[in-house]
N, C-alpha and C. Protein backbone atom coordinates (compact mmCIF):
# COMPACT_ATOMS: atom_id res chain seq x y z
N MET A 1 1.07 -1.53 -0.03
CA MET A 1 0.13 -0.37 -0.12
C MET A 1 0.56 0.81 -0.22
N GLN A 2 2.18 1.18 0.56
CA GLN A 2 2.83 1.96 0.43
C GLN A 2 3.21 2.60 -0.73
N ASN A 3 3.51 1.72 -1.60
CA ASN A 3 3.39 2.02 -3.10
C ASN A 3 2.76 2.69 -3.48
N ILE A 4 1.14 3.09 -3.85
CA ILE A 4 0.27 3.18 -3.82
C ILE A 4 0.37 4.37 -3.37
N GLY A 5 0.47 4.26 -2.40
CA GLY A 5 0.28 5.79 -1.16
C GLY A 5 1.52 7.17 -2.22
N SER A 6 2.70 6.66 -2.44
CA SER A 6 3.83 7.47 -3.13
C SER A 6 3.29 8.24 -4.50
N THR A 7 2.73 6.47 -4.82
CA THR A 7 3.08 6.85 -6.24
C THR A 7 1.84 8.41 -6.24
N ILE A 8 0.55 7.79 -5.44
CA ILE A 8 -0.56 8.68 -5.63
C ILE A 8 0.20 10.66 -5.60
N LEU A 9 0.27 10.49 -4.00
CA LEU A 9 1.35 11.32 -4.17
C LEU A 9 2.73 11.99 -5.61
N ARG A 10 3.20 11.46 -5.53
CA ARG A 10 4.30 11.64 -6.55
C ARG A 10 3.54 12.68 -8.23
N VAL A 11 2.02 11.69 -8.21
CA VAL A 11 1.15 12.12 -9.13
C VAL A 11 1.05 13.30 -9.19
N VAL A 12 0.07 13.84 -7.96
CA VAL A 12 -0.49 14.60 -7.76
C VAL A 12 0.86 15.80 -7.51
N LEU A 13 1.56 15.36 -7.06
CA LEU A 13 2.68 16.63 -6.92
C LEU A 13 3.65 17.12 -8.04
N GLY A 14 4.07 16.34 -9.48
CA GLY A 14 4.39 16.37 -10.16
C GLY A 14 2.76 17.12 -11.81
N ILE A 15 1.79 16.65 -11.56
CA ILE A 15 0.52 17.90 -11.94
C ILE A 15 0.79 19.19 -11.21
N ILE A 16 0.94 19.65 -9.89
CA ILE A 16 0.69 20.60 -9.30
C ILE A 16 1.57 21.07 -9.93
N PHE A 17 2.49 20.72 -10.18
CA PHE A 17 4.41 21.53 -10.56
C PHE A 17 4.29 21.61 -11.91
N ALA A 18 3.87 20.53 -12.75
CA ALA A 18 4.00 20.74 -14.70
C ALA A 18 2.90 21.72 -14.93
N VAL A 19 1.73 22.79 -14.18
CA VAL A 19 0.77 23.31 -14.87
C VAL A 19 1.17 24.29 -13.86
N HIS A 20 1.56 24.71 -12.53
CA HIS A 20 2.37 25.79 -12.29
C HIS A 20 3.76 26.34 -14.02
N GLY A 21 4.42 25.08 -14.17
CA GLY A 21 5.37 26.18 -14.99
C GLY A 21 4.96 25.96 -16.16
N TYR A 22 3.70 24.99 -16.98
CA TYR A 22 3.41 25.90 -17.83
C TYR A 22 2.71 26.67 -18.00
N GLN A 23 1.97 27.34 -16.81
CA GLN A 23 1.29 28.68 -16.53
C GLN A 23 2.17 29.86 -16.46
N LYS A 24 3.85 29.76 -16.14
CA LYS A 24 4.53 30.85 -16.37
C LYS A 24 4.71 31.55 -17.54
N PHE A 25 4.90 30.53 -18.44
CA PHE A 25 4.94 30.56 -19.78
C PHE A 25 3.78 30.86 -21.18
N GLN A 26 2.47 30.07 -20.20
CA GLN A 26 1.07 29.92 -21.01
C GLN A 26 0.55 32.05 -20.92
N GLY A 27 0.78 32.92 -19.85
CA GLY A 27 0.72 33.99 -19.36
C GLY A 27 1.76 35.09 -19.69
N GLY A 28 2.38 34.17 -20.68
CA GLY A 28 4.38 35.07 -20.76
C GLY A 28 5.10 34.88 -19.79
N ILE A 29 5.51 34.85 -20.07
CA ILE A 29 6.80 34.97 -19.09
C ILE A 29 7.82 35.72 -18.91
N SER A 30 7.29 36.95 -19.54
CA SER A 30 7.74 38.38 -19.36
C SER A 30 7.00 38.51 -18.45
N PHE A 31 5.68 38.53 -17.52
CA PHE A 31 4.92 39.36 -16.32
C PHE A 31 6.09 37.82 -15.03
N THR A 32 6.04 37.13 -15.12
CA THR A 32 7.35 35.97 -14.16
C THR A 32 8.56 37.19 -13.56
N ALA A 33 8.92 37.47 -15.45
CA ALA A 33 9.90 37.52 -14.75
C ALA A 33 9.99 39.27 -14.00
N ASP A 34 9.36 40.50 -14.39
CA ASP A 34 8.69 41.56 -13.84
C ASP A 34 8.35 41.70 -12.99
N TYR A 35 7.84 40.08 -12.56
CA TYR A 35 7.72 39.58 -10.90
C TYR A 35 8.98 39.26 -10.25
N PHE A 36 9.58 38.81 -10.54
CA PHE A 36 11.34 38.21 -10.11
C PHE A 36 11.53 39.77 -10.16
N SER A 37 11.55 40.38 -11.10
CA SER A 37 13.20 41.11 -10.74
C SER A 37 12.55 42.12 -9.87
N SER A 38 10.81 42.48 -9.42
CA SER A 38 10.48 43.61 -8.69
C SER A 38 10.96 42.80 -6.78
N LEU A 39 11.14 41.55 -6.97
CA LEU A 39 11.66 41.05 -5.41
C LEU A 39 13.35 40.90 -5.61
N GLY A 40 14.20 41.53 -6.34
CA GLY A 40 15.58 41.39 -6.71
C GLY A 40 16.33 40.35 -7.13
N ILE A 41 15.11 39.50 -7.82
CA ILE A 41 15.33 37.79 -8.55
C ILE A 41 15.83 38.72 -9.98
N PRO A 42 17.58 38.31 -10.78
CA PRO A 42 17.10 38.06 -12.25
C PRO A 42 15.93 37.68 -12.57
N GLY A 43 15.70 38.79 -13.44
CA GLY A 43 14.29 37.88 -14.50
C GLY A 43 14.63 36.83 -15.53
N PHE A 44 15.90 36.34 -15.95
CA PHE A 44 16.14 35.69 -16.25
C PHE A 44 15.51 33.94 -15.80
N MET A 45 15.91 34.77 -13.78
CA MET A 45 15.38 32.96 -13.33
C MET A 45 13.42 32.49 -13.73
N ALA A 46 13.01 33.68 -13.73
CA ALA A 46 11.56 33.23 -14.46
C ALA A 46 11.98 32.25 -15.50
N TYR A 47 12.85 32.06 -16.35
CA TYR A 47 12.99 30.85 -17.67
C TYR A 47 13.40 29.74 -16.82
N VAL A 48 13.91 29.49 -15.91
CA VAL A 48 14.83 28.86 -14.93
C VAL A 48 13.99 27.77 -14.24
N VAL A 49 13.02 29.33 -13.48
CA VAL A 49 12.24 28.20 -12.49
C VAL A 49 10.63 27.37 -13.25
N ALA A 50 10.84 28.01 -14.36
CA ALA A 50 9.12 27.71 -14.84
C ALA A 50 10.05 26.25 -15.89
N ILE A 51 11.07 26.04 -16.10
CA ILE A 51 11.34 25.25 -17.09
C ILE A 51 11.61 23.91 -16.04
N ILE A 52 12.03 24.75 -14.83
CA ILE A 52 12.15 23.31 -13.90
C ILE A 52 10.39 22.70 -13.71
N GLU A 53 9.78 23.92 -13.01
CA GLU A 53 8.38 23.24 -12.40
C GLU A 53 7.75 22.11 -14.08
N LEU A 54 8.45 22.89 -14.70
CA LEU A 54 7.34 22.08 -16.08
C LEU A 54 7.63 20.51 -16.46
N VAL A 55 8.89 21.25 -16.76
CA VAL A 55 10.37 19.08 -17.00
C VAL A 55 10.10 18.49 -15.87
N GLY A 56 10.36 19.53 -14.51
CA GLY A 56 10.41 18.47 -13.01
C GLY A 56 9.18 18.08 -12.89
N GLY A 57 8.50 18.64 -13.02
CA GLY A 57 6.29 18.46 -12.75
C GLY A 57 6.51 17.16 -13.58
N ALA A 58 6.88 16.93 -15.06
CA ALA A 58 6.60 15.77 -16.46
C ALA A 58 7.52 14.80 -15.42
N ALA A 59 8.57 15.10 -15.09
CA ALA A 59 9.37 13.40 -14.91
C ALA A 59 8.72 13.31 -13.17
N ILE A 60 8.25 13.41 -12.75
CA ILE A 60 7.98 13.36 -11.21
C ILE A 60 6.50 12.33 -11.66
N ILE A 61 5.56 13.11 -12.53
CA ILE A 61 4.45 12.35 -12.62
C ILE A 61 4.91 10.37 -13.17
N LEU A 62 6.54 11.14 -13.93
CA LEU A 62 6.46 9.51 -14.46
C LEU A 62 7.74 8.63 -13.80
N GLY A 63 7.75 8.92 -12.65
CA GLY A 63 8.79 9.33 -11.33
C GLY A 63 10.37 8.51 -12.06
N LEU A 64 10.67 9.71 -12.97
CA LEU A 64 12.22 9.64 -13.49
C LEU A 64 12.84 10.74 -13.32
N GLY A 65 14.02 10.47 -12.46
CA GLY A 65 15.08 11.64 -11.83
C GLY A 65 14.31 12.19 -10.33
N THR A 66 13.69 10.94 -10.28
CA THR A 66 12.59 11.98 -8.91
C THR A 66 13.93 12.88 -7.71
N ARG A 67 14.71 12.03 -7.63
CA ARG A 67 15.57 12.64 -6.46
C ARG A 67 16.17 14.04 -7.12
N LEU A 68 16.53 13.91 -8.15
CA LEU A 68 17.36 14.70 -9.14
C LEU A 68 16.03 16.36 -9.12
N PHE A 69 14.91 15.87 -9.78
CA PHE A 69 13.62 16.92 -9.22
C PHE A 69 13.55 17.20 -8.11
N GLY A 70 13.07 15.97 -7.31
CA GLY A 70 12.38 16.47 -5.86
C GLY A 70 13.45 18.09 -5.42
N ALA A 71 14.62 17.27 -5.41
CA ALA A 71 15.52 18.44 -4.30
C ALA A 71 15.57 20.00 -5.65
N LEU A 72 15.11 19.98 -6.79
CA LEU A 72 15.26 21.50 -7.72
C LEU A 72 13.69 21.45 -7.40
N LEU A 73 13.10 20.70 -7.08
CA LEU A 73 11.50 21.70 -6.84
C LEU A 73 11.29 21.98 -5.45
N THR A 74 12.33 21.50 -4.49
CA THR A 74 12.15 21.75 -3.21
C THR A 74 13.52 23.12 -3.13
N ALA A 75 14.12 23.40 -3.68
CA ALA A 75 14.88 24.52 -3.39
C ALA A 75 13.89 25.69 -4.30
N THR A 76 13.14 25.34 -5.23
CA THR A 76 12.25 26.59 -5.92
C THR A 76 11.68 27.13 -4.75
N MET A 77 11.11 26.06 -3.69
CA MET A 77 10.44 26.01 -2.52
C MET A 77 10.32 27.48 -1.92
N VAL A 78 11.96 26.44 -1.48
CA VAL A 78 12.14 27.94 -0.27
C VAL A 78 12.69 28.80 -0.42
N VAL A 79 13.23 29.08 -2.05
CA VAL A 79 13.38 30.18 -2.79
C VAL A 79 12.26 31.35 -2.16
N ALA A 80 11.30 30.16 -2.94
CA ALA A 80 9.83 31.36 -2.98
C ALA A 80 9.04 31.51 -1.79
N ILE A 81 9.53 30.74 -0.98
CA ILE A 81 8.71 31.56 0.88
C ILE A 81 10.02 32.46 1.14
N PHE A 82 11.40 32.17 1.10
CA PHE A 82 11.58 33.30 1.50
C PHE A 82 12.00 34.92 1.22
N THR A 83 11.64 34.83 -0.68
CA THR A 83 11.60 35.92 -1.45
C THR A 83 10.39 36.48 -1.21
N ALA A 84 9.60 35.86 -1.68
CA ALA A 84 8.12 36.09 -1.54
C ALA A 84 7.25 36.05 -1.09
N LYS A 85 6.91 34.95 0.76
CA LYS A 85 5.43 34.49 0.44
C LYS A 85 6.02 34.89 1.87
N LEU A 86 7.10 34.68 2.10
CA LEU A 86 7.44 35.11 4.47
C LEU A 86 6.90 36.23 4.77
N SER A 87 6.78 37.42 3.91
CA SER A 87 6.49 38.34 4.41
C SER A 87 4.89 38.76 4.83
N VAL A 88 4.61 37.56 4.15
CA VAL A 88 2.64 37.87 4.22
C VAL A 88 2.15 36.80 4.99
N GLY A 89 3.44 35.98 6.18
CA GLY A 89 2.76 35.14 6.64
C GLY A 89 2.46 33.70 6.28
N PHE A 90 1.68 32.96 7.22
CA PHE A 90 1.61 31.33 7.13
C PHE A 90 0.45 30.81 5.98
N ILE A 91 -0.64 32.01 6.49
CA ILE A 91 -1.80 31.76 5.78
C ILE A 91 -1.98 33.05 4.73
N GLY A 92 -0.95 34.19 4.72
CA GLY A 92 -1.20 35.31 4.06
C GLY A 92 -2.35 36.31 4.57
N GLU A 93 -2.35 37.27 4.02
CA GLU A 93 -3.49 38.47 3.62
C GLU A 93 -3.96 39.46 3.51
N ASN A 94 -5.35 40.15 3.51
CA ASN A 94 -5.15 40.66 2.17
C ASN A 94 -5.50 40.12 0.79
N GLY A 95 -5.73 39.26 0.94
CA GLY A 95 -6.09 37.99 -0.74
C GLY A 95 -5.11 38.17 -0.78
N LEU A 96 -3.95 38.20 -0.73
CA LEU A 96 -2.37 37.77 -0.53
C LEU A 96 -2.20 36.05 0.00
N ALA A 97 -1.44 35.34 -0.75
CA ALA A 97 -1.60 33.64 -0.74
C ALA A 97 -0.12 33.54 0.81
N GLY A 98 -0.32 33.17 1.50
CA GLY A 98 0.45 32.71 1.76
C GLY A 98 1.48 31.82 1.91
N TYR A 99 2.50 31.31 2.46
CA TYR A 99 3.90 29.98 2.46
C TYR A 99 3.10 28.88 3.06
N GLU A 100 1.60 28.25 3.42
CA GLU A 100 1.51 27.32 3.67
C GLU A 100 2.37 26.39 2.69
N ILE A 101 0.98 27.08 1.45
CA ILE A 101 0.75 25.79 0.08
C ILE A 101 2.70 25.71 -0.10
N ASP A 102 3.19 26.65 -0.45
CA ASP A 102 4.04 26.50 -0.48
C ASP A 102 5.42 25.11 0.37
N LEU A 103 4.96 25.55 1.41
CA LEU A 103 5.66 24.48 2.57
C LEU A 103 5.20 23.15 2.30
N ALA A 104 4.01 23.03 2.30
CA ALA A 104 3.74 21.08 1.81
C ALA A 104 4.45 21.32 0.63
N LEU A 105 4.49 21.68 0.02
CA LEU A 105 4.91 21.15 -1.46
C LEU A 105 6.24 21.02 -1.78
N GLY A 106 7.11 21.72 -1.01
CA GLY A 106 8.96 21.91 -0.26
C GLY A 106 8.90 21.14 0.21
N ALA A 107 8.55 19.92 1.17
CA ALA A 107 8.07 18.93 1.62
C ALA A 107 7.87 18.06 1.25
N ILE A 108 6.68 17.87 0.38
CA ILE A 108 6.18 16.54 -0.52
C ILE A 108 7.83 16.82 -1.46
N ALA A 109 7.96 17.77 -1.87
CA ALA A 109 9.56 17.30 -3.02
C ALA A 109 11.13 16.43 -2.17
N LEU A 110 10.64 17.02 -1.15
CA LEU A 110 11.89 16.68 -0.20
C LEU A 110 11.81 16.15 0.14
N TYR A 111 10.66 15.05 0.36
CA TYR A 111 10.26 13.32 0.53
C TYR A 111 11.07 12.61 -0.65
N PHE A 112 10.33 13.60 -1.54
CA PHE A 112 10.85 12.49 -3.35
C PHE A 112 12.32 12.35 -3.36
N ALA A 113 13.12 13.61 -2.68
CA ALA A 113 14.07 13.95 -2.67
C ALA A 113 14.99 12.45 -1.97
N LEU A 114 14.47 12.67 -1.34
CA LEU A 114 14.94 11.86 -0.28
C LEU A 114 14.71 10.38 -0.24
N ALA A 115 13.44 9.69 -0.55
CA ALA A 115 13.56 8.38 -0.57
C ALA A 115 12.99 8.11 -2.12
N GLY A 116 13.66 9.03 -3.28
CA GLY A 116 13.26 8.64 -4.72
C GLY A 116 12.03 8.18 -5.18
N ALA A 117 11.48 7.42 -6.17
CA ALA A 117 10.20 7.30 -6.69
C ALA A 117 9.70 5.81 -5.88
N SER A 118 8.34 5.89 -6.14
CA SER A 118 7.66 4.10 -5.10
C SER A 118 8.58 3.16 -6.71
N SER A 119 7.69 1.55 -6.33
CA SER A 119 8.30 1.17 -7.21
C SER A 119 7.70 1.04 -8.35
N TYR A 120 6.45 1.91 -8.68
CA TYR A 120 5.27 1.93 -9.78
C TYR A 120 6.22 3.16 -10.24
N SER A 121 7.50 3.64 -11.05
CA SER A 121 8.08 4.00 -11.53
C SER A 121 9.32 3.69 -12.21
N LEU A 122 9.01 5.39 -13.79
CA LEU A 122 10.16 4.78 -14.78
C LEU A 122 11.61 4.65 -13.83
N ASP A 123 12.29 5.10 -12.77
CA ASP A 123 13.38 4.91 -11.98
C ASP A 123 13.51 3.24 -11.84
N ALA A 124 12.17 3.05 -11.46
CA ALA A 124 12.68 1.94 -10.50
C ALA A 124 12.21 0.82 -12.32
N LYS A 125 12.14 0.79 -12.86
CA LYS A 125 11.79 0.19 -14.19
C LYS A 125 12.55 0.17 -14.76
N LEU A 126 13.46 1.67 -15.20
CA LEU A 126 15.42 1.71 -14.93
C LEU A 126 16.64 1.18 -14.49
N PHE A 127 16.06 1.55 -13.70
CA PHE A 127 17.45 1.02 -12.68
C PHE A 127 16.99 -0.47 -11.81
N LYS A 128 16.12 -0.85 -12.12
CA LYS A 128 16.14 -2.12 -11.05
C LYS A 128 16.04 -2.30 -9.79
N LYS A 129 14.44 -1.45 -9.85
CA LYS A 129 14.61 -1.08 -7.77
C LYS A 129 13.61 -2.28 -7.92
N GLU A 130 13.39 -2.13 -7.06
CA GLU A 130 12.00 -2.84 -5.87
C GLU A 130 11.73 -2.44 -5.09
């Protein structure tokens, strides 16, 4: 049952990140780049983050490179919390989202960075993990 639970969690996490990465490109990456710049982060990092979220999310869904992409997505969430979310608090205020969701997503991504994918993954099939 643990493999099934881990697989469900991995797929849901991957969907969330892939959709957010896609959304950054869909709405015009320049908006995200401008927002990053307003936070003191170089605008080109919007492309890096969007690619990590889109490609990393898809890879997490498949269970491919799970530890690597788990680590990259964890780092993305840590930076988001400390640069954009911490100032509005845990649950947010005045319509601004807090960092509770970023913290949860980062913790789940960290789990996969540390534990790897379940048996139901490409990592397991390619690298003969049982």
